[in-house]
Amino acid sequence: MYVATHWPGIERYKPEGGWPVPELETFMHIGVYLGWVATWWWLLSAGGRQVSPAAIRWLVLGGTAYAIFDEASQAVVDRVPAVDDFLANLVGLVAAVIILRTWQCRRSSRKPR
């Protein structure tokens, strides 16, 4: 994640007319942070364990802290930090938590006791 968001001059790789899909960059931010949470969730739930509410809070807190650092530190490599990119990162974090928590709850309610 760090390399992708801190690559100097990355804008030169953008197609001349802009992205073929409007707001593609926003969806990329959402997807990266959704994937970040999903990877941690997968690691935390290894062996069939449930991801605890405390672990979920740490995922959100850690992800939010990293999103702040990610946007704020881009100025060092001549990139432009953007509030809307930060908000897209948060959307990805929250969406992943909602999806995975719902999946975990449904999965655990189906297990025979």
N, C-alpha and C. Protein backbone atom coordinates (compact mmCIF):
# COMPACT_ATOMS: atom_id res chain seq x y z
N MET A 1 0.83 -1.18 0.00
CA MET A 1 0.00 0.00 0.00
C MET A 1 0.87 1.25 0.00
N TYR A 2 1.93 1.23 0.81
CA TYR A 2 2.77 2.42 0.92
C TYR A 2 3.42 2.76 -0.42
N VAL A 3 3.96 1.78 -1.09
CA VAL A 3 4.64 2.03 -2.37
C VAL A 3 3.66 2.59 -3.40
N ALA A 4 2.48 2.03 -3.46
CA ALA A 4 1.49 2.48 -4.45
C ALA A 4 1.06 3.93 -4.21
N THR A 5 0.97 4.33 -2.96
CA THR A 5 0.48 5.68 -2.67
C THR A 5 1.59 6.71 -2.53
N HIS A 6 2.84 6.27 -2.56
CA HIS A 6 3.96 7.19 -2.40
C HIS A 6 4.92 7.17 -3.59
N TRP A 7 4.52 6.59 -4.68
CA TRP A 7 5.36 6.54 -5.87
C TRP A 7 5.43 7.93 -6.49
N PRO A 8 6.62 8.53 -6.51
CA PRO A 8 6.72 9.89 -7.07
C PRO A 8 6.35 9.90 -8.56
N GLY A 9 5.58 10.88 -8.97
CA GLY A 9 5.23 11.04 -10.38
C GLY A 9 4.29 9.98 -10.92
N ILE A 10 3.55 9.31 -10.06
CA ILE A 10 2.67 8.24 -10.52
C ILE A 10 1.57 8.76 -11.46
N GLU A 11 1.29 10.04 -11.37
CA GLU A 11 0.25 10.62 -12.23
C GLU A 11 0.58 10.50 -13.71
N ARG A 12 1.86 10.36 -14.03
CA ARG A 12 2.23 10.25 -15.45
C ARG A 12 1.73 8.96 -16.08
N TYR A 13 1.34 7.99 -15.26
CA TYR A 13 0.81 6.73 -15.79
C TYR A 13 -0.69 6.79 -16.06
N LYS A 14 -1.32 7.88 -15.65
CA LYS A 14 -2.76 8.04 -15.89
C LYS A 14 -2.98 8.23 -17.39
N PRO A 15 -3.99 7.56 -17.97
CA PRO A 15 -4.28 7.74 -19.41
C PRO A 15 -4.55 9.20 -19.74
N GLU A 16 -4.22 9.60 -20.96
CA GLU A 16 -4.34 11.00 -21.38
C GLU A 16 -5.72 11.61 -21.14
N GLY A 17 -6.76 10.93 -21.47
CA GLY A 17 -8.11 11.47 -21.30
C GLY A 17 -8.67 11.25 -19.90
N GLY A 18 -7.86 10.75 -18.99
CA GLY A 18 -8.33 10.42 -17.65
C GLY A 18 -8.67 8.93 -17.58
N TRP A 19 -9.12 8.51 -16.44
CA TRP A 19 -9.46 7.10 -16.26
C TRP A 19 -10.70 6.76 -17.08
N PRO A 20 -10.76 5.53 -17.65
CA PRO A 20 -11.92 5.15 -18.46
C PRO A 20 -13.20 5.03 -17.64
N VAL A 21 -13.07 4.82 -16.37
CA VAL A 21 -14.22 4.72 -15.46
C VAL A 21 -14.19 5.94 -14.55
N PRO A 22 -15.25 6.73 -14.54
CA PRO A 22 -15.27 7.89 -13.64
C PRO A 22 -15.06 7.46 -12.19
N GLU A 23 -14.29 8.21 -11.47
CA GLU A 23 -14.02 7.96 -10.05
C GLU A 23 -13.30 6.63 -9.80
N LEU A 24 -12.55 6.14 -10.79
CA LEU A 24 -11.82 4.88 -10.61
C LEU A 24 -10.86 4.96 -9.43
N GLU A 25 -10.22 6.10 -9.28
CA GLU A 25 -9.26 6.25 -8.18
C GLU A 25 -9.94 6.09 -6.82
N THR A 26 -11.15 6.60 -6.69
CA THR A 26 -11.90 6.46 -5.44
C THR A 26 -12.19 4.99 -5.16
N PHE A 27 -12.60 4.26 -6.19
CA PHE A 27 -12.88 2.83 -6.02
C PHE A 27 -11.61 2.06 -5.68
N MET A 28 -10.47 2.52 -6.21
CA MET A 28 -9.21 1.87 -5.89
C MET A 28 -8.87 2.07 -4.41
N HIS A 29 -9.10 3.28 -3.90
CA HIS A 29 -8.87 3.53 -2.47
C HIS A 29 -9.76 2.63 -1.62
N ILE A 30 -11.02 2.56 -1.97
CA ILE A 30 -11.97 1.70 -1.23
C ILE A 30 -11.50 0.25 -1.27
N GLY A 31 -11.15 -0.22 -2.45
CA GLY A 31 -10.75 -1.61 -2.62
C GLY A 31 -9.48 -1.97 -1.87
N VAL A 32 -8.51 -1.08 -1.86
CA VAL A 32 -7.25 -1.37 -1.17
C VAL A 32 -7.48 -1.50 0.34
N TYR A 33 -8.24 -0.58 0.90
CA TYR A 33 -8.48 -0.66 2.35
C TYR A 33 -9.44 -1.79 2.70
N LEU A 34 -10.36 -2.11 1.84
CA LEU A 34 -11.22 -3.27 2.04
C LEU A 34 -10.36 -4.53 2.05
N GLY A 35 -9.43 -4.61 1.12
CA GLY A 35 -8.52 -5.75 1.06
C GLY A 35 -7.60 -5.84 2.26
N TRP A 36 -7.17 -4.67 2.76
CA TRP A 36 -6.31 -4.64 3.94
C TRP A 36 -7.03 -5.25 5.14
N VAL A 37 -8.28 -4.82 5.36
CA VAL A 37 -9.07 -5.37 6.48
C VAL A 37 -9.33 -6.86 6.25
N ALA A 38 -9.67 -7.24 5.03
CA ALA A 38 -9.96 -8.65 4.74
C ALA A 38 -8.75 -9.53 5.01
N THR A 39 -7.57 -9.04 4.68
CA THR A 39 -6.34 -9.82 4.94
C THR A 39 -6.13 -9.99 6.43
N TRP A 40 -6.25 -8.92 7.21
CA TRP A 40 -6.12 -9.03 8.65
C TRP A 40 -7.19 -9.93 9.25
N TRP A 41 -8.42 -9.82 8.73
CA TRP A 41 -9.52 -10.65 9.24
C TRP A 41 -9.20 -12.12 9.01
N TRP A 42 -8.70 -12.42 7.83
CA TRP A 42 -8.34 -13.80 7.49
C TRP A 42 -7.27 -14.31 8.45
N LEU A 43 -6.26 -13.49 8.74
CA LEU A 43 -5.20 -13.89 9.66
C LEU A 43 -5.74 -14.06 11.08
N LEU A 44 -6.58 -13.14 11.52
CA LEU A 44 -7.11 -13.20 12.88
C LEU A 44 -8.11 -14.34 13.09
N SER A 45 -8.72 -14.81 12.01
CA SER A 45 -9.72 -15.87 12.13
C SER A 45 -9.16 -17.24 11.77
N ALA A 46 -7.85 -17.35 11.68
CA ALA A 46 -7.22 -18.64 11.34
C ALA A 46 -7.63 -19.71 12.35
N GLY A 47 -7.83 -20.87 11.86
CA GLY A 47 -8.21 -21.98 12.73
C GLY A 47 -9.65 -21.93 13.19
N GLY A 48 -10.48 -21.16 12.51
CA GLY A 48 -11.89 -21.10 12.83
C GLY A 48 -12.24 -20.17 13.98
N ARG A 49 -11.26 -19.38 14.45
CA ARG A 49 -11.55 -18.44 15.54
C ARG A 49 -12.44 -17.31 15.06
N GLN A 50 -13.19 -16.75 15.98
CA GLN A 50 -14.01 -15.58 15.71
C GLN A 50 -13.15 -14.34 15.93
N VAL A 51 -13.33 -13.34 15.11
CA VAL A 51 -12.64 -12.07 15.30
C VAL A 51 -13.42 -11.30 16.37
N SER A 52 -12.75 -10.99 17.44
CA SER A 52 -13.42 -10.37 18.60
C SER A 52 -13.74 -8.90 18.34
N PRO A 53 -14.71 -8.38 19.08
CA PRO A 53 -15.01 -6.95 18.97
C PRO A 53 -13.79 -6.06 19.25
N ALA A 54 -12.94 -6.48 20.19
CA ALA A 54 -11.72 -5.71 20.49
C ALA A 54 -10.79 -5.70 19.28
N ALA A 55 -10.64 -6.84 18.62
CA ALA A 55 -9.79 -6.91 17.43
C ALA A 55 -10.37 -6.05 16.30
N ILE A 56 -11.69 -6.04 16.20
CA ILE A 56 -12.34 -5.20 15.17
C ILE A 56 -12.06 -3.73 15.45
N ARG A 57 -12.15 -3.33 16.70
CA ARG A 57 -11.85 -1.93 17.05
C ARG A 57 -10.41 -1.59 16.69
N TRP A 58 -9.47 -2.51 16.95
CA TRP A 58 -8.07 -2.27 16.61
C TRP A 58 -7.87 -2.20 15.10
N LEU A 59 -8.61 -3.02 14.37
CA LEU A 59 -8.52 -2.95 12.89
C LEU A 59 -8.96 -1.58 12.39
N VAL A 60 -10.07 -1.11 12.90
CA VAL A 60 -10.58 0.20 12.47
C VAL A 60 -9.65 1.32 12.92
N LEU A 61 -9.21 1.26 14.16
CA LEU A 61 -8.30 2.29 14.68
C LEU A 61 -6.97 2.29 13.92
N GLY A 62 -6.39 1.10 13.73
CA GLY A 62 -5.13 1.00 13.00
C GLY A 62 -5.27 1.43 11.55
N GLY A 63 -6.35 1.02 10.91
CA GLY A 63 -6.60 1.41 9.53
C GLY A 63 -6.80 2.90 9.38
N THR A 64 -7.51 3.49 10.33
CA THR A 64 -7.73 4.94 10.30
C THR A 64 -6.41 5.69 10.51
N ALA A 65 -5.62 5.23 11.47
CA ALA A 65 -4.32 5.86 11.72
C ALA A 65 -3.43 5.76 10.48
N TYR A 66 -3.42 4.58 9.85
CA TYR A 66 -2.60 4.44 8.66
C TYR A 66 -3.12 5.31 7.51
N ALA A 67 -4.43 5.43 7.38
CA ALA A 67 -5.00 6.27 6.32
C ALA A 67 -4.61 7.74 6.52
N ILE A 68 -4.59 8.18 7.77
CA ILE A 68 -4.14 9.55 8.07
C ILE A 68 -2.67 9.71 7.69
N PHE A 69 -1.84 8.78 8.14
CA PHE A 69 -0.42 8.82 7.81
C PHE A 69 -0.22 8.76 6.29
N ASP A 70 -0.95 7.89 5.64
CA ASP A 70 -0.83 7.68 4.20
C ASP A 70 -1.09 8.98 3.44
N GLU A 71 -2.16 9.65 3.75
CA GLU A 71 -2.49 10.89 3.04
C GLU A 71 -1.55 12.03 3.44
N ALA A 72 -1.26 12.17 4.73
CA ALA A 72 -0.43 13.28 5.19
C ALA A 72 1.00 13.18 4.68
N SER A 73 1.52 11.97 4.55
CA SER A 73 2.92 11.80 4.14
C SER A 73 3.13 11.85 2.63
N GLN A 74 2.09 11.91 1.85
CA GLN A 74 2.25 11.96 0.40
C GLN A 74 2.89 13.26 -0.07
N ALA A 75 2.76 14.31 0.69
CA ALA A 75 3.37 15.59 0.31
C ALA A 75 4.89 15.49 0.24
N VAL A 76 5.48 14.57 0.97
CA VAL A 76 6.92 14.39 0.99
C VAL A 76 7.45 13.96 -0.39
N VAL A 77 6.62 13.25 -1.15
CA VAL A 77 7.05 12.76 -2.48
C VAL A 77 6.32 13.51 -3.60
N ASP A 78 5.97 14.75 -3.32
CA ASP A 78 5.31 15.62 -4.31
C ASP A 78 3.99 15.08 -4.83
N ARG A 79 3.27 14.41 -3.96
CA ARG A 79 1.90 14.01 -4.27
C ARG A 79 0.98 14.89 -3.46
N VAL A 80 -0.27 14.94 -3.84
CA VAL A 80 -1.21 15.84 -3.17
C VAL A 80 -2.11 15.05 -2.22
N PRO A 81 -1.97 15.28 -0.91
CA PRO A 81 -2.89 14.64 0.04
C PRO A 81 -4.31 15.14 -0.21
N ALA A 82 -5.30 14.25 -0.07
CA ALA A 82 -6.67 14.65 -0.36
C ALA A 82 -7.63 14.07 0.69
N VAL A 83 -8.49 14.93 1.17
CA VAL A 83 -9.49 14.51 2.17
C VAL A 83 -10.43 13.48 1.56
N ASP A 84 -10.82 13.64 0.29
CA ASP A 84 -11.74 12.67 -0.31
C ASP A 84 -11.08 11.30 -0.45
N ASP A 85 -9.76 11.24 -0.65
CA ASP A 85 -9.07 9.95 -0.67
C ASP A 85 -9.10 9.31 0.72
N PHE A 86 -8.88 10.13 1.75
CA PHE A 86 -8.95 9.63 3.13
C PHE A 86 -10.35 9.08 3.44
N LEU A 87 -11.37 9.80 3.02
CA LEU A 87 -12.75 9.35 3.26
C LEU A 87 -13.04 8.05 2.51
N ALA A 88 -12.51 7.92 1.30
CA ALA A 88 -12.68 6.66 0.54
C ALA A 88 -11.99 5.51 1.27
N ASN A 89 -10.84 5.78 1.86
CA ASN A 89 -10.14 4.76 2.64
C ASN A 89 -11.02 4.30 3.80
N LEU A 90 -11.64 5.26 4.48
CA LEU A 90 -12.53 4.91 5.60
C LEU A 90 -13.74 4.12 5.15
N VAL A 91 -14.28 4.46 3.98
CA VAL A 91 -15.41 3.70 3.44
C VAL A 91 -15.00 2.24 3.24
N GLY A 92 -13.80 2.03 2.68
CA GLY A 92 -13.30 0.66 2.50
C GLY A 92 -13.15 -0.08 3.80
N LEU A 93 -12.60 0.59 4.82
CA LEU A 93 -12.44 -0.02 6.14
C LEU A 93 -13.78 -0.44 6.73
N VAL A 94 -14.70 0.50 6.76
CA VAL A 94 -16.01 0.25 7.38
C VAL A 94 -16.80 -0.79 6.60
N ALA A 95 -16.77 -0.71 5.27
CA ALA A 95 -17.49 -1.68 4.44
C ALA A 95 -16.97 -3.09 4.71
N ALA A 96 -15.66 -3.24 4.79
CA ALA A 96 -15.08 -4.55 5.04
C ALA A 96 -15.50 -5.09 6.40
N VAL A 97 -15.48 -4.25 7.41
CA VAL A 97 -15.87 -4.69 8.75
C VAL A 97 -17.33 -5.11 8.77
N ILE A 98 -18.20 -4.33 8.14
CA ILE A 98 -19.63 -4.67 8.11
C ILE A 98 -19.85 -5.99 7.38
N ILE A 99 -19.25 -6.13 6.22
CA ILE A 99 -19.41 -7.36 5.43
C ILE A 99 -18.88 -8.57 6.17
N LEU A 100 -17.66 -8.47 6.69
CA LEU A 100 -17.03 -9.62 7.34
C LEU A 100 -17.68 -9.96 8.68
N ARG A 101 -18.09 -8.95 9.42
CA ARG A 101 -18.78 -9.20 10.70
C ARG A 101 -20.12 -9.88 10.45
N THR A 102 -20.85 -9.41 9.45
CA THR A 102 -22.13 -10.03 9.10
C THR A 102 -21.91 -11.48 8.68
N TRP A 103 -20.90 -11.71 7.85
CA TRP A 103 -20.58 -13.07 7.40
C TRP A 103 -20.21 -13.95 8.58
N GLN A 104 -19.39 -13.42 9.49
CA GLN A 104 -18.96 -14.19 10.66
C GLN A 104 -20.15 -14.56 11.54
N CYS A 105 -21.06 -13.60 11.76
CA CYS A 105 -22.23 -13.86 12.62
C CYS A 105 -23.15 -14.90 11.99
N ARG A 106 -23.38 -14.79 10.70
CA ARG A 106 -24.24 -15.77 10.02
C ARG A 106 -23.62 -17.14 10.01
N ARG A 107 -22.33 -17.19 9.82
CA ARG A 107 -21.62 -18.47 9.76
C ARG A 107 -21.64 -19.15 11.14
N SER A 108 -21.45 -18.37 12.19
CA SER A 108 -21.43 -18.96 13.53
C SER A 108 -22.82 -19.39 13.98
N SER A 109 -23.88 -18.75 13.49
CA SER A 109 -25.23 -19.13 13.87
C SER A 109 -25.68 -20.41 13.17
N ARG A 110 -25.00 -20.80 12.11
CA ARG A 110 -25.36 -22.03 11.38
C ARG A 110 -24.67 -23.27 11.91
N LYS A 111 -23.64 -23.10 12.72
CA LYS A 111 -22.89 -24.24 13.24
C LYS A 111 -23.75 -25.02 14.23
N PRO A 112 -23.71 -26.34 14.13
CA PRO A 112 -24.46 -27.15 15.11
C PRO A 112 -23.82 -27.01 16.48
N ARG A 113 -24.67 -27.04 17.50
CA ARG A 113 -24.16 -26.86 18.87
C ARG A 113 -23.98 -28.15 19.55
